[in-house]
Amino acid sequence: MKFARALLLTLLVALAFYAGLLWRAAPASERAREVGPAAAPQPTPIPRTTALDADERATIELFRLASPSVVYITTVEMRRDFFTMNDYAVPRGAGSGFVWDEQGHVVTNFHVIQGAQGAQVTLGDQSTWNAELIGTAPEKDLAVLRIEARGKALGPLPVGTSADLLVGQKVFAIGNPFGLDHTLTTGVISAVGREIDSLDRDRTRIEDVIQTDAAINPGNSGGPLLDSAGRLIGVNTQIYSPSGASAGIGFAIPVDTVSWAVPQLIASGRIVRPALGIYPLADAVAQRAGIEGVMFVRVEEGGPADLAGLRPLRRDNRGRVSPGDVIVAIDGQPIRSRADLTLALERREVGEEVTVTYVRDEEEHEVRMKLQAQ
């Protein structure tokens, strides 16, 4: 009898253990039904969009509308095979850009395409098109390409203004950092009115540059900087970073500069500047001679300087150099270098009259000149 009771107890324990295993292996929904809804409440899903605040929804909408206008630019250079002597293209660099108009013009930085022998533009739908170089402005680090994107509806970005930007204003940068497609970074305007060096031979300063802490990394160059309304306010161009990656100090060319430079690049391939009709001496040579200002080696016949009687540097029959006139001011603005002269004339129009101050035989003189196109 004792043996039977022990055997029965053993069987009951085994059955209880087996039932426990089956219950643990059952789906959670079945277990919940067994123990009742109060023991296993199911969470109610919350729609994702209702969890976003107004600022997040505005940023998402800005990116949705603006990103199709941002493009990825890859440049190539031609090389020749040593054995076959055949030419072939190899990748050279990459950057960003954006659609300027419905005719297929694309704006980017000059340094993105500098030295390249070809470029391709990849649109937001990942279609790739060969690009034609239309114009460059190294002194503004701007370039314009054009693509024949047949069958594509190209949507340009709305253009804002940079004259009234305020420090602390929220900004957005869209580009392709490190080749990562359509990346959005956000930040604020850290400073306005900065100056950076351009890439032309005179290292002409680019004025009124926007400083931002929005992350700008290699590959972002040429991409747009937008305000909170999605309007173009600048073109991302440089970063200040010992490591080469974003350190929270980025610069963008102001859109007010872009707005007058790009139409000129489309029309003539270069920026048409008002000029005095002189051929300036290199700054390094003038500085070695202790001259502060712009001396020139020749005047254009019939040009403003020639008509005003300005004298260039001369050399007599014995090879002795006779110093010419030195331009030291335009409308009272000091001129110490060729870059200063470029910036002073940049704000004027062809046909406008300016007062030129120059030094001759250690005496200052003033003369009025009508500017001509360069």
Protein backbone atom coordinates (compact mmCIF):
# COMPACT_ATOMS: atom_id res chain seq x y z
CA MET A 1 0.00 0.00 0.00
CA LYS A 2 2.82 2.39 0.88
CA PHE A 3 4.45 1.62 -2.41
CA ALA A 4 1.23 2.44 -4.33
CA ARG A 5 0.82 5.77 -2.53
CA ALA A 6 4.46 6.72 -3.28
CA LEU A 7 4.01 5.79 -6.92
CA LEU A 8 0.80 7.85 -7.16
CA LEU A 9 2.51 10.87 -5.55
CA THR A 10 5.40 10.59 -7.97
CA LEU A 11 3.01 10.51 -10.94
CA LEU A 12 1.13 13.59 -9.67
CA VAL A 13 4.38 15.57 -9.26
CA ALA A 14 5.49 14.55 -12.76
CA LEU A 15 2.14 15.60 -14.26
CA ALA A 16 2.28 18.96 -12.48
CA PHE A 17 5.78 19.56 -13.73
CA TYR A 18 4.80 18.64 -17.31
CA ALA A 19 1.74 20.96 -17.17
CA GLY A 20 3.98 23.80 -16.03
CA LEU A 21 6.27 23.26 -18.98
CA LEU A 22 3.31 23.30 -21.39
CA TRP A 23 1.95 26.52 -19.86
CA ARG A 24 5.31 28.31 -20.15
CA ALA A 25 5.63 27.25 -23.80
CA ALA A 26 2.15 28.52 -24.69
CA PRO A 27 1.84 31.95 -26.47
CA ALA A 28 1.55 34.96 -24.18
CA SER A 29 -1.95 35.71 -25.52
CA GLU A 30 -3.22 32.25 -24.47
CA ARG A 31 -1.66 32.55 -21.01
CA ALA A 32 -3.28 35.97 -20.63
CA ARG A 33 -6.70 34.48 -21.42
CA GLU A 34 -6.15 31.79 -18.82
CA VAL A 35 -5.19 34.17 -16.03
CA GLY A 36 -7.60 36.92 -17.10
CA PRO A 37 -7.13 40.35 -18.71
CA ALA A 38 -6.46 42.10 -15.42
CA ALA A 39 -3.28 40.06 -14.89
CA ALA A 40 -1.70 40.90 -18.31
CA PRO A 41 -2.86 44.33 -19.62
CA GLN A 42 -1.97 45.10 -23.23
CA PRO A 43 -0.41 48.57 -23.94
CA THR A 44 -2.33 50.84 -26.31
CA PRO A 45 -0.11 51.90 -29.27
CA ILE A 46 0.34 55.69 -29.63
CA PRO A 47 0.52 57.01 -33.21
CA ARG A 48 4.08 58.23 -33.89
CA THR A 49 3.08 61.58 -35.37
CA THR A 50 1.13 62.61 -32.29
CA ALA A 51 4.25 62.02 -30.17
CA LEU A 52 6.23 64.66 -32.14
CA ASP A 53 6.14 68.27 -31.05
CA ALA A 54 5.50 71.14 -33.45
CA ASP A 55 9.21 71.95 -33.88
CA GLU A 56 10.04 68.35 -34.85
CA ARG A 57 7.18 68.19 -37.33
CA ALA A 58 8.35 71.48 -38.89
CA THR A 59 11.92 70.13 -39.27
CA ILE A 60 10.67 66.91 -40.85
CA GLU A 61 8.55 68.87 -43.32
CA LEU A 62 11.44 71.20 -44.14
CA PHE A 63 13.69 68.25 -44.97
CA ARG A 64 10.95 66.56 -47.01
CA LEU A 65 10.46 69.65 -49.16
CA ALA A 66 14.11 70.75 -49.50
CA SER A 67 16.05 67.48 -49.87
CA PRO A 68 14.90 66.76 -53.48
CA SER A 69 16.66 69.99 -54.53
CA VAL A 70 19.99 68.93 -53.01
CA VAL A 71 22.37 66.97 -55.25
CA TYR A 72 25.52 64.89 -54.86
CA ILE A 73 28.46 65.87 -57.07
CA THR A 74 31.32 63.56 -57.98
CA THR A 75 34.30 64.80 -59.99
CA VAL A 76 36.70 62.85 -62.19
CA GLU A 77 40.06 63.35 -63.79
CA MET A 78 41.47 61.70 -66.89
CA ARG A 79 44.51 59.42 -66.75
CA ARG A 80 46.38 57.49 -69.40
CA ASP A 81 47.19 53.80 -69.14
CA PHE A 82 50.97 53.38 -69.31
CA PHE A 83 50.80 50.23 -71.42
CA THR A 84 47.82 50.79 -73.74
CA MET A 85 47.98 54.63 -73.82
CA ASN A 86 44.19 54.67 -73.45
CA ASP A 87 42.58 57.48 -71.46
CA TYR A 88 40.27 56.59 -68.61
CA ALA A 89 38.42 58.49 -65.90
CA VAL A 90 39.08 58.02 -62.19
CA PRO A 91 37.16 59.55 -59.26
CA ARG A 92 38.75 62.72 -57.94
CA GLY A 93 36.50 64.15 -55.25
CA ALA A 94 32.94 64.72 -54.13
CA GLY A 95 30.72 67.39 -52.70
CA SER A 96 27.21 68.72 -52.57
CA GLY A 97 25.18 71.23 -54.55
CA PHE A 98 21.62 72.32 -55.14
CA VAL A 99 19.27 73.00 -58.03
CA TRP A 100 19.16 76.71 -58.90
CA ASP A 101 16.48 76.76 -61.60
CA GLU A 102 14.30 74.56 -63.78
CA GLN A 103 16.81 74.81 -66.66
CA GLY A 104 19.13 72.40 -64.86
CA HIS A 105 21.65 74.84 -63.38
CA VAL A 106 23.29 73.53 -60.22
CA VAL A 107 25.25 75.67 -57.75
CA THR A 108 28.21 74.35 -55.77
CA ASN A 109 31.58 75.48 -54.43
CA PHE A 110 34.45 76.24 -56.79
CA HIS A 111 36.78 74.08 -54.70
CA VAL A 112 34.48 71.07 -55.24
CA ILE A 113 35.19 71.05 -59.00
CA GLN A 114 38.61 72.77 -58.98
CA GLY A 115 41.08 70.88 -61.17
CA ALA A 116 38.52 68.30 -62.27
CA GLN A 117 38.09 67.30 -65.89
CA GLY A 118 34.51 66.17 -65.54
CA ALA A 119 31.65 65.98 -63.07
CA GLN A 120 28.48 64.00 -62.49
CA VAL A 121 25.39 65.09 -60.59
CA THR A 122 23.21 62.64 -58.71
CA LEU A 123 19.66 63.84 -58.06
CA GLY A 124 17.44 62.97 -55.13
CA ASP A 125 15.89 60.06 -57.05
CA GLN A 126 19.42 58.58 -57.45
CA SER A 127 19.55 59.23 -61.20
CA THR A 128 23.01 60.40 -62.31
CA TRP A 129 23.72 62.94 -65.05
CA ASN A 130 26.86 64.23 -66.73
CA ALA A 131 27.37 67.90 -65.91
CA GLU A 132 28.68 70.78 -68.00
CA LEU A 133 30.72 73.51 -66.32
CA ILE A 134 29.00 76.85 -66.99
CA GLY A 135 31.03 79.31 -64.93
CA THR A 136 33.32 79.76 -61.94
CA ALA A 137 34.08 82.50 -59.45
CA PRO A 138 37.13 81.45 -57.40
CA GLU A 139 37.03 84.78 -55.57
CA LYS A 140 33.62 83.77 -54.16
CA ASP A 141 34.21 79.98 -54.07
CA LEU A 142 31.20 79.48 -56.34
CA ALA A 143 30.66 77.43 -59.48
CA VAL A 144 27.67 76.68 -61.70
CA LEU A 145 27.09 73.36 -63.50
CA ARG A 146 24.29 72.40 -65.83
CA ILE A 147 22.64 69.02 -66.42
CA GLU A 148 20.29 67.92 -69.19
CA ALA A 149 17.94 66.09 -66.86
CA ARG A 150 15.42 65.07 -69.48
CA GLY A 151 12.06 64.11 -68.11
CA LYS A 152 12.92 65.31 -64.61
CA ALA A 153 10.97 68.00 -62.80
CA LEU A 154 13.72 70.07 -61.19
CA GLY A 155 12.59 72.04 -58.16
CA PRO A 156 14.83 74.95 -57.15
CA LEU A 157 15.09 76.05 -53.55
CA PRO A 158 13.30 79.25 -52.53
CA VAL A 159 15.86 82.04 -52.13
CA GLY A 160 15.91 84.13 -48.97
CA THR A 161 18.13 86.99 -47.85
CA SER A 162 21.20 87.16 -45.61
CA ALA A 163 21.15 90.90 -44.84
CA ASP A 164 18.93 90.57 -41.76
CA LEU A 165 20.20 87.32 -40.23
CA LEU A 166 20.54 87.27 -36.44
CA VAL A 167 22.90 85.38 -34.15
CA GLY A 168 20.96 82.57 -32.50
CA GLN A 169 18.65 82.05 -35.47
CA LYS A 170 18.03 78.39 -36.23
CA VAL A 171 19.58 76.99 -39.44
CA PHE A 172 19.64 73.69 -41.32
CA ALA A 173 22.37 72.21 -43.53
CA ILE A 174 21.65 69.48 -46.07
CA GLY A 175 24.40 67.68 -47.94
CA ASN A 176 26.31 64.46 -48.44
CA PRO A 177 29.01 64.35 -45.75
CA PHE A 178 31.52 61.53 -46.36
CA GLY A 179 29.30 60.44 -49.26
CA LEU A 180 26.32 59.68 -46.99
CA ASP A 181 23.24 60.52 -49.00
CA HIS A 182 21.04 63.48 -47.97
CA THR A 183 22.08 64.17 -44.41
CA LEU A 184 20.42 66.88 -42.33
CA THR A 185 22.23 68.74 -39.56
CA THR A 186 20.84 71.56 -37.48
CA GLY A 187 22.26 74.41 -35.44
CA VAL A 188 22.18 78.14 -35.03
CA ILE A 189 23.91 81.13 -36.56
CA SER A 190 26.97 81.60 -34.37
CA ALA A 191 28.14 84.88 -35.92
CA VAL A 192 27.61 87.08 -38.96
CA GLY A 193 29.92 89.42 -40.85
CA ARG A 194 32.88 87.02 -40.83
CA GLU A 195 35.59 87.13 -43.50
CA ILE A 196 37.36 84.15 -45.07
CA ASP A 197 39.96 83.87 -47.82
CA SER A 198 38.83 82.86 -51.29
CA LEU A 199 40.71 80.63 -53.72
CA ASP A 200 41.72 83.18 -56.36
CA ARG A 201 45.36 84.18 -56.80
CA ASP A 202 44.94 87.36 -54.74
CA ARG A 203 43.26 85.46 -51.87
CA THR A 204 40.44 88.00 -52.07
CA ARG A 205 38.40 88.01 -48.88
CA ILE A 206 34.78 86.89 -48.97
CA GLU A 207 32.84 89.29 -46.78
CA ASP A 208 29.69 88.94 -44.65
CA VAL A 209 30.22 85.19 -44.29
CA ILE A 210 27.82 83.28 -42.02
CA GLN A 211 29.31 81.25 -39.15
CA THR A 212 27.24 78.33 -37.88
CA ASP A 213 27.59 75.44 -35.45
CA ALA A 214 25.51 73.13 -37.67
CA ALA A 215 27.79 70.17 -38.40
CA ILE A 216 29.52 70.60 -41.76
CA ASN A 217 31.84 67.77 -42.73
CA PRO A 218 33.80 66.88 -45.89
CA GLY A 219 31.21 66.32 -48.61
CA ASN A 220 28.89 69.03 -47.27
CA SER A 221 30.73 71.68 -49.28
CA GLY A 222 28.46 73.33 -51.82
CA GLY A 223 25.27 72.29 -50.06
CA PRO A 224 22.60 74.76 -48.94
CA LEU A 225 22.21 76.44 -45.57
CA LEU A 226 18.52 77.05 -44.92
CA ASP A 227 16.50 79.11 -42.46
CA SER A 228 13.51 77.73 -40.54
CA ALA A 229 11.21 78.55 -43.46
CA GLY A 230 13.29 76.37 -45.81
CA ARG A 231 14.72 79.37 -47.70
CA LEU A 232 18.29 79.43 -48.99
CA ILE A 233 20.41 81.79 -46.87
CA GLY A 234 23.91 80.53 -47.67
CA VAL A 235 26.16 78.00 -49.39
CA ASN A 236 28.24 75.85 -47.03
CA THR A 237 31.88 76.31 -47.93
CA GLN A 238 34.48 75.75 -45.21
CA ILE A 239 35.03 74.45 -41.70
CA TYR A 240 37.54 75.46 -39.07
CA SER A 241 38.95 72.22 -37.72
CA PRO A 242 42.46 70.94 -36.94
CA SER A 243 41.24 67.37 -37.53
CA GLY A 244 39.41 68.03 -40.80
CA ALA A 245 36.01 67.06 -39.35
CA SER A 246 33.32 69.28 -37.95
CA ALA A 247 34.31 71.10 -34.78
CA GLY A 248 31.22 73.27 -34.56
CA ILE A 249 32.66 76.13 -36.62
CA GLY A 250 31.44 76.17 -40.19
CA PHE A 251 31.13 78.96 -42.74
CA ALA A 252 28.63 79.66 -45.50
CA ILE A 253 28.75 82.17 -48.35
CA PRO A 254 25.83 84.58 -47.82
CA VAL A 255 22.92 84.21 -50.22
CA ASP A 256 22.96 87.94 -51.06
CA THR A 257 26.37 87.33 -52.67
CA VAL A 258 25.12 84.16 -54.38
CA SER A 259 22.06 85.96 -55.76
CA TRP A 260 24.08 88.44 -57.82
CA ALA A 261 27.03 86.18 -58.65
CA VAL A 262 25.16 83.13 -60.01
CA PRO A 263 23.15 84.98 -62.72
CA GLN A 264 26.41 86.50 -63.99
CA LEU A 265 28.08 83.08 -64.08
CA ILE A 266 25.13 81.68 -66.04
CA ALA A 267 25.15 84.60 -68.48
CA SER A 268 28.90 84.98 -69.11
CA GLY A 269 30.75 82.22 -67.27
CA ARG A 270 32.40 84.69 -64.90
CA ILE A 271 31.64 87.64 -62.67
CA VAL A 272 31.66 90.87 -64.66
CA ARG A 273 33.44 93.43 -62.50
CA PRO A 274 33.69 97.20 -62.73
CA ALA A 275 37.34 98.14 -63.25
CA LEU A 276 39.76 101.07 -63.51
CA GLY A 277 41.57 99.71 -66.56
CA ILE A 278 44.89 99.01 -64.80
CA TYR A 279 47.18 95.99 -64.53
CA PRO A 280 48.26 95.88 -60.86
CA LEU A 281 51.74 94.95 -59.68
CA ALA A 282 51.91 91.84 -57.48
CA ASP A 283 51.45 92.64 -53.80
CA ALA A 284 54.66 90.81 -52.86
CA VAL A 285 56.73 93.01 -55.18
CA ALA A 286 55.09 96.19 -53.89
CA GLN A 287 55.64 95.14 -50.27
CA ARG A 288 59.32 94.45 -50.88
CA ALA A 289 59.57 98.01 -52.21
CA GLY A 290 57.87 99.32 -49.06
CA ILE A 291 54.75 100.44 -50.96
CA GLU A 292 51.35 100.30 -49.26
CA GLY A 293 48.66 100.55 -51.89
CA VAL A 294 48.25 99.36 -55.48
CA MET A 295 50.91 100.18 -58.04
CA PHE A 296 50.31 99.15 -61.63
CA VAL A 297 52.58 98.19 -64.52
CA ARG A 298 50.27 99.23 -67.35
CA VAL A 299 47.03 101.07 -68.08
CA GLU A 300 44.49 99.97 -70.65
CA GLU A 301 44.46 102.38 -73.56
CA GLY A 302 41.31 104.48 -73.46
CA GLY A 303 40.38 103.07 -70.06
CA PRO A 304 39.38 105.10 -66.99
CA ALA A 305 42.92 105.31 -65.57
CA ASP A 306 44.38 106.24 -68.95
CA LEU A 307 41.79 108.98 -69.49
CA ALA A 308 42.43 110.30 -65.97
CA GLY A 309 46.16 110.57 -66.67
CA LEU A 310 47.40 108.03 -64.13
CA ARG A 311 51.00 106.91 -64.65
CA PRO A 312 52.08 103.27 -64.45
CA LEU A 313 55.46 102.04 -63.30
CA ARG A 314 58.04 102.72 -66.03
CA ARG A 315 61.52 101.61 -67.00
CA ASP A 316 63.86 103.98 -68.88
CA ASN A 317 66.38 103.15 -71.62
CA ARG A 318 69.03 102.32 -69.03
CA GLY A 319 66.77 99.86 -67.22
CA ARG A 320 66.13 102.12 -64.27
CA VAL A 321 62.64 101.85 -62.76
CA SER A 322 60.61 105.01 -62.41
CA PRO A 323 57.88 104.58 -59.74
CA GLY A 324 54.38 105.25 -61.00
CA ASP A 325 51.26 106.36 -59.19
CA VAL A 326 50.03 104.33 -56.21
CA ILE A 327 46.28 104.01 -55.61
CA VAL A 328 45.60 104.35 -51.87
CA ALA A 329 41.82 104.89 -51.62
CA ILE A 330 38.50 104.53 -53.48
CA ASP A 331 35.78 106.94 -52.30
CA GLY A 332 37.73 107.36 -49.09
CA GLN A 333 38.01 103.60 -48.43
CA PRO A 334 41.70 102.70 -47.79
CA ILE A 335 43.36 100.49 -50.41
CA ARG A 336 46.41 98.55 -49.19
CA SER A 337 46.43 95.58 -51.57
CA ARG A 338 44.94 94.19 -54.76
CA ALA A 339 42.36 92.33 -52.67
CA ASP A 340 41.28 95.64 -51.10
CA LEU A 341 40.87 97.13 -54.56
CA THR A 342 38.77 94.17 -55.72
CA LEU A 343 36.45 94.44 -52.72
CA ALA A 344 36.11 98.22 -53.09
CA LEU A 345 35.06 97.95 -56.74
CA GLU A 346 32.82 94.94 -56.14
CA ARG A 347 30.20 97.14 -54.52
CA ARG A 348 30.03 99.45 -57.53
CA GLU A 349 28.36 99.19 -60.93
CA VAL A 350 29.82 99.46 -64.41
CA GLY A 351 29.44 103.10 -65.50
CA GLU A 352 29.41 104.40 -61.92
CA GLU A 353 31.82 107.22 -61.04
CA VAL A 354 34.23 106.89 -58.11
CA THR A 355 36.83 109.14 -56.53
CA VAL A 356 40.30 107.60 -56.74
CA THR A 357 43.01 108.80 -54.36
CA TYR A 358 46.57 108.18 -55.55
CA VAL A 359 50.07 109.15 -54.52
CA ARG A 360 52.49 110.72 -57.01
CA ASP A 361 55.89 112.01 -55.95
CA GLU A 362 54.85 111.64 -52.29
CA GLU A 363 51.79 113.85 -52.75
CA GLU A 364 48.17 112.72 -52.66
CA HIS A 365 45.83 113.58 -55.53
CA GLU A 366 42.19 112.82 -56.26
CA VAL A 367 40.49 112.19 -59.58
CA ARG A 368 37.01 111.08 -60.68
CA MET A 369 36.77 107.98 -62.91
CA LYS A 370 33.88 106.22 -64.62
CA LEU A 371 34.21 102.48 -64.13
CA GLN A 372 34.31 100.12 -67.11
CA ALA A 373 33.57 96.41 -67.37
CA GLN A 374 36.50 94.12 -66.81
